[in-house]
Amino acid sequence: MLDGQRFVWDSDKAARNLAWHGVRFEQAREVFLDQLARYEDASPDEEARQACIGLTSEYRLLYVVHVVREGDVLRLISARLAERAERRRYEND
């Protein structure tokens, strides 16, 4: 999915994400290179959010929530290790 995509994020949010989940947003971008990545709706309210479940180059299976903005910009919201149910969806879909 990376053709022409640009990634943006809030630096404070990225620091909190690293502290809470142990995942850097720089690494989280890699899931979008995974040809087997799974996408699903992750909208908690009216803002259209998507989640991508995919592998990084270090074979970490991550769950990355993002918003698609205009001009092929992806704003990363959060990134964490995939939970058991998310791992099953990735492996079985």
Protein backbone atom coordinates (compact mmCIF):
# COMPACT_ATOMS: atom_id res chain seq x y z
CA MET A 1 0.00 0.00 0.00
CA LEU A 2 2.98 2.37 0.11
CA ASP A 3 2.87 3.69 -3.46
CA GLY A 4 3.22 7.43 -2.94
CA GLN A 5 2.11 7.38 0.69
CA ARG A 6 3.50 9.86 3.15
CA PHE A 7 3.34 9.26 6.89
CA VAL A 8 2.76 11.91 9.54
CA TRP A 9 2.24 11.78 13.29
CA ASP A 10 2.28 13.88 16.40
CA SER A 11 5.71 13.62 18.06
CA ASP A 12 4.25 13.70 21.59
CA LYS A 13 1.82 10.93 20.67
CA ALA A 14 4.68 8.91 19.17
CA ALA A 15 6.67 9.22 22.41
CA ARG A 16 3.65 8.11 24.48
CA ASN A 17 3.04 5.20 22.12
CA LEU A 18 6.64 4.04 22.50
CA ALA A 19 6.40 4.27 26.30
CA TRP A 20 3.04 2.45 26.50
CA HIS A 21 3.37 -0.12 23.72
CA GLY A 22 7.08 -0.38 22.96
CA VAL A 23 6.53 0.38 19.27
CA ARG A 24 8.08 3.25 17.35
CA PHE A 25 5.96 4.84 14.64
CA GLU A 26 8.98 4.60 12.33
CA GLN A 27 8.78 0.82 12.68
CA ALA A 28 4.98 0.80 12.47
CA ARG A 29 5.18 2.17 8.91
CA GLU A 30 6.63 -1.17 7.84
CA VAL A 31 3.31 -3.00 8.20
CA PHE A 32 2.09 -1.19 5.09
CA LEU A 33 4.79 -3.03 3.09
CA ASP A 34 3.41 -6.43 4.15
CA GLN A 35 1.61 -7.90 1.13
CA LEU A 36 -0.46 -10.06 3.48
CA ALA A 37 -1.54 -7.14 5.69
CA ARG A 38 -5.17 -7.03 6.75
CA TYR A 39 -7.21 -3.84 6.95
CA GLU A 40 -10.29 -3.25 9.06
CA ASP A 41 -12.45 -0.44 10.34
CA ALA A 42 -11.24 1.03 13.63
CA SER A 43 -13.56 4.05 13.87
CA PRO A 44 -14.56 4.80 17.47
CA ASP A 45 -16.76 7.70 16.38
CA GLU A 46 -17.42 9.75 13.26
CA GLU A 47 -13.73 10.02 12.31
CA ALA A 48 -12.98 7.32 9.74
CA ARG A 49 -10.07 5.32 11.15
CA GLN A 50 -8.56 2.16 9.76
CA ALA A 51 -6.38 -0.47 11.34
CA CYS A 52 -3.68 -2.39 9.54
CA ILE A 53 -2.50 -5.73 10.91
CA GLY A 54 0.85 -6.66 9.44
CA LEU A 55 4.43 -7.78 9.93
CA THR A 56 7.48 -5.56 10.28
CA SER A 57 10.92 -6.41 8.94
CA GLU A 58 11.69 -7.85 12.41
CA TYR A 59 8.63 -10.15 12.15
CA ARG A 60 6.67 -8.29 14.80
CA LEU A 61 2.95 -8.50 14.10
CA LEU A 62 1.54 -5.04 14.77
CA TYR A 63 -1.91 -3.48 14.93
CA VAL A 64 -1.58 0.06 13.56
CA VAL A 65 -4.46 2.54 13.70
CA HIS A 66 -4.32 5.34 11.15
CA VAL A 67 -6.37 7.95 9.33
CA VAL A 68 -6.16 8.46 5.58
CA ARG A 69 -5.82 12.16 4.79
CA GLU A 70 -5.92 14.00 1.49
CA GLY A 71 -2.98 13.66 -0.84
CA ASP A 72 -2.06 10.07 0.08
CA VAL A 73 -1.09 11.07 3.62
CA LEU A 74 -1.47 8.49 6.40
CA ARG A 75 -1.62 9.90 9.93
CA LEU A 76 -0.54 7.27 12.45
CA ILE A 77 -2.67 7.25 15.61
CA SER A 78 -1.34 4.23 17.54
CA ALA A 79 0.72 1.09 17.08
CA ARG A 80 1.01 -1.95 19.32
CA LEU A 81 1.64 -5.67 19.19
CA ALA A 82 -1.33 -7.52 17.75
CA GLU A 83 -3.53 -9.30 20.27
CA ARG A 84 -4.50 -12.97 19.93
CA ALA A 85 -7.75 -12.33 18.02
CA GLU A 86 -6.00 -9.93 15.64
CA ARG A 87 -3.23 -12.48 15.07
CA ARG A 88 -5.87 -15.09 14.17
CA ARG A 89 -7.52 -12.72 11.69
CA TYR A 90 -4.14 -12.05 10.09
CA GLU A 91 -3.26 -15.74 9.87
CA ASN A 92 -6.68 -17.03 8.77
CA ASP A 93 -7.95 -14.40 6.33
